[in-house]
Protein backbone atom coordinates (compact mmCIF):
# COMPACT_ATOMS: atom_id res chain seq x y z
CA MET A 1 11.84 67.82 -6.75
CA LYS A 2 10.96 65.44 -9.59
CA LEU A 3 7.96 66.28 -11.86
CA PHE A 4 6.28 63.66 -13.91
CA PHE A 5 4.24 64.62 -17.05
CA ILE A 6 1.53 62.76 -18.97
CA SER A 7 -0.86 63.86 -21.58
CA ASP A 8 -3.60 62.50 -23.92
CA ILE A 9 -4.84 59.46 -21.87
CA HIS A 10 -8.14 59.58 -23.88
CA GLY A 11 -10.05 57.30 -21.45
CA SER A 12 -7.80 54.22 -21.82
CA LEU A 13 -7.69 52.53 -18.46
CA ALA A 14 -4.85 50.29 -19.33
CA ASN A 15 -2.61 53.10 -20.36
CA ALA A 16 -3.61 55.26 -17.38
CA LYS A 17 -2.61 52.40 -15.07
CA GLN A 18 0.65 51.91 -16.92
CA ALA A 19 1.47 55.66 -16.63
CA LEU A 20 0.81 55.56 -12.96
CA GLU A 21 3.14 52.39 -12.63
CA CYS A 22 5.79 54.60 -14.28
CA PHE A 23 5.04 57.47 -11.93
CA GLU A 24 5.63 55.18 -8.89
CA LYS A 25 8.82 53.69 -10.40
CA GLU A 26 10.28 57.05 -11.09
CA LYS A 27 9.52 58.11 -7.42
CA ALA A 28 8.32 61.45 -8.75
CA ASP A 29 6.95 64.04 -6.33
CA GLN A 30 4.23 65.63 -8.57
CA LEU A 31 2.04 64.23 -11.45
CA ILE A 32 1.23 66.81 -14.00
CA ILE A 33 -1.53 65.98 -16.48
CA LEU A 34 -1.55 68.05 -19.77
CA GLY A 35 -5.10 67.40 -20.69
CA ASP A 36 -7.40 65.04 -22.73
CA VAL A 37 -8.03 62.70 -19.79
CA MET A 38 -11.30 60.94 -20.41
CA TYR A 39 -12.80 61.42 -23.86
CA HIS A 40 -11.11 60.03 -27.06
CA GLY A 41 -12.34 62.87 -29.25
CA PRO A 42 -14.29 62.67 -32.56
CA ARG A 43 -11.20 62.22 -34.71
CA ASN A 44 -9.53 59.45 -32.69
CA PRO A 45 -10.38 55.69 -32.64
CA ILE A 46 -11.82 54.41 -29.40
CA PRO A 47 -8.68 53.46 -27.36
CA GLU A 48 -8.02 49.97 -25.99
CA SER A 49 -9.72 49.43 -22.64
CA TYR A 50 -11.70 52.66 -23.01
CA ASN A 51 -13.27 53.22 -19.59
CA PRO A 52 -13.32 56.98 -18.67
CA ALA A 53 -15.01 56.46 -15.37
CA GLU A 54 -12.35 53.91 -14.24
CA VAL A 55 -9.65 56.29 -15.40
CA ALA A 56 -11.09 59.03 -13.14
CA GLU A 57 -11.11 56.50 -10.28
CA VAL A 58 -7.48 55.52 -10.52
CA LEU A 59 -6.38 59.09 -11.03
CA ASN A 60 -8.43 60.33 -8.05
CA LYS A 61 -6.19 58.11 -5.77
CA TYR A 62 -3.41 60.54 -6.65
CA LYS A 63 -5.39 63.79 -6.42
CA SER A 64 -3.13 65.39 -3.88
CA LYS A 65 -0.18 64.95 -6.12
CA ILE A 66 -1.91 66.13 -9.39
CA THR A 67 -1.76 69.41 -11.19
CA ALA A 68 -3.87 69.25 -14.34
CA VAL A 69 -4.93 71.55 -17.24
CA ARG A 70 -7.89 71.09 -19.58
CA GLY A 71 -7.43 69.58 -22.98
CA ASN A 72 -9.50 70.19 -26.04
CA CYS A 73 -11.33 66.84 -25.48
CA ASP A 74 -12.09 67.60 -21.79
CA SER A 75 -15.41 68.90 -20.71
CA GLU A 76 -17.13 70.23 -17.64
CA VAL A 77 -18.98 66.97 -17.22
CA ASP A 78 -15.71 65.28 -16.64
CA GLN A 79 -15.01 67.37 -13.61
CA MET A 80 -18.02 65.65 -11.93
CA LEU A 81 -16.00 62.38 -11.69
CA ILE A 82 -12.46 63.92 -11.18
CA GLU A 83 -11.56 64.97 -7.62
CA TYR A 84 -8.81 67.45 -8.56
CA PRO A 85 -9.08 70.68 -10.60
CA MET A 86 -8.70 70.21 -14.25
CA MET A 87 -10.68 72.92 -16.09
CA GLU A 88 -8.18 75.70 -16.41
CA THR A 89 -6.61 76.20 -19.93
CA TYR A 90 -3.22 76.81 -18.27
CA SER A 91 -1.33 76.57 -15.04
CA ILE A 92 2.03 77.64 -13.82
CA VAL A 93 4.41 75.65 -11.63
CA VAL A 94 7.58 77.21 -10.14
CA MET A 95 10.56 74.92 -9.62
CA GLU A 96 13.51 76.65 -7.96
CA ASP A 97 14.06 79.77 -10.14
CA ARG A 98 12.28 78.34 -13.17
CA LYS A 99 8.59 78.93 -14.31
CA ILE A 100 6.98 75.84 -15.91
CA PHE A 101 3.97 76.93 -17.99
CA LEU A 102 1.48 74.12 -18.43
CA SER A 103 -0.99 74.06 -21.35
CA HIS A 104 -2.67 71.39 -23.44
CA GLY A 105 -1.38 72.98 -26.60
CA HIS A 106 -4.52 73.81 -28.47
CA ILE A 107 -4.43 77.56 -27.27
CA TYR A 108 -0.81 78.22 -26.35
CA ASN A 109 1.86 76.05 -28.18
CA PRO A 110 5.45 76.46 -29.38
CA GLU A 111 4.37 78.78 -32.22
CA GLU A 112 2.13 80.75 -29.77
CA LEU A 113 4.00 80.97 -26.52
CA PRO A 114 2.73 82.89 -23.52
CA PRO A 115 5.06 85.54 -22.05
CA MET A 116 8.01 83.66 -20.55
CA ASN A 117 11.50 84.38 -19.21
CA ALA A 118 14.77 82.99 -20.46
CA GLY A 119 15.19 79.55 -19.00
CA ASP A 120 11.45 78.86 -18.42
CA VAL A 121 9.84 75.73 -19.63
CA PHE A 122 6.76 75.48 -21.84
CA ALA A 123 5.09 72.03 -21.29
CA PHE A 124 2.21 70.95 -23.46
CA GLY A 125 0.47 67.85 -24.92
CA HIS A 126 -2.07 67.82 -27.77
CA ILE A 127 0.23 66.69 -30.66
CA HIS A 128 1.09 63.28 -29.20
CA ILE A 129 4.72 63.63 -30.18
CA PRO A 130 7.64 63.70 -27.56
CA ILE A 131 9.75 66.82 -27.39
CA ALA A 132 12.47 67.85 -25.03
CA GLU A 133 14.48 70.77 -26.60
CA LYS A 134 15.47 74.41 -26.21
CA GLN A 135 13.70 76.87 -28.48
CA GLY A 136 15.37 80.27 -28.34
CA GLU A 137 15.58 81.10 -24.67
CA VAL A 138 12.94 78.70 -23.41
CA PHE A 139 12.71 74.98 -23.09
CA ILE A 140 9.89 72.90 -24.61
CA LEU A 141 8.58 69.68 -23.25
CA ASN A 142 5.91 67.50 -24.84
CA PRO A 143 5.60 64.15 -22.92
CA GLY A 144 3.99 62.53 -26.04
CA SER A 145 0.82 60.45 -25.52
CA THR A 146 0.07 57.71 -23.09
CA THR A 147 -2.54 56.29 -25.42
CA LEU A 148 -2.35 57.47 -29.05
CA PRO A 149 1.21 58.28 -29.85
CA LYS A 150 1.91 59.61 -33.41
CA GLU A 151 4.78 59.38 -35.95
CA GLY A 152 5.80 55.89 -34.87
CA ASN A 153 6.61 56.96 -31.27
CA PRO A 154 5.94 54.70 -28.30
CA LYS A 155 3.66 55.50 -25.40
CA SER A 156 5.63 57.95 -23.17
CA TYR A 157 5.85 60.37 -20.30
CA GLY A 158 7.97 63.32 -19.44
CA LEU A 159 10.16 64.27 -16.47
CA ILE A 160 11.83 67.39 -15.08
CA TYR A 161 14.41 66.75 -12.39
CA GLU A 162 17.85 67.68 -11.28
CA ASN A 163 19.13 69.85 -14.28
CA LYS A 164 17.27 68.22 -17.22
CA ILE A 165 14.04 67.38 -19.07
CA GLU A 166 13.53 63.87 -20.36
CA VAL A 167 10.83 62.05 -22.31
CA LYS A 168 10.84 58.25 -21.66
CA SER A 169 8.86 55.34 -23.16
CA PHE A 170 6.80 53.36 -20.79
CA ASP A 171 9.64 50.69 -20.77
CA GLY A 172 12.11 53.45 -19.53
CA GLU A 173 14.01 54.16 -22.66
CA ILE A 174 15.00 57.82 -22.99
CA LEU A 175 13.45 59.10 -26.13
CA ARG A 176 14.38 62.80 -25.83
CA SER A 177 16.53 64.78 -23.34
CA VAL A 178 17.84 68.30 -22.87
CA ASN A 179 19.80 69.74 -20.00
CA PHE A 180 19.28 73.21 -18.47
CA ASP A 181 22.98 74.10 -18.71
């Protein structure tokens, strides 16, 4: 099983399409969206190719492969266009013997973790900074942002497969990596 993670699309059609091209290239089994899909938020500039309705349309083509959580910029009206559930503040995916807790990061975050077991993964977005590391007994994944990366990072996505977590730029460069061993 190969899981593909994105976050913080913020309504950018060009970046949503590029992320989906990466999903296809990686031959991932599931697409996990960690929030902030359609709206850019009041503190962010309007992203290039801002077109939330078209973003919903391209993502809906993958609806059977998507697990999504709500970001702080997502609203109930967004669910009117999106054909997969996205309004929960968290979700849990189980991969082999490992629980992967999904959250946008504005409620649960690395400083406020939910109850987790040793070896579990906490995956979140919100901060737009790629992370793949072990924190105490749990692993932390942030895929960065597809649209508004921060701290000089490129647009990126995350992966969990085999025995590792990776964050890659859209051009395939590994930005962060940690093994489960």
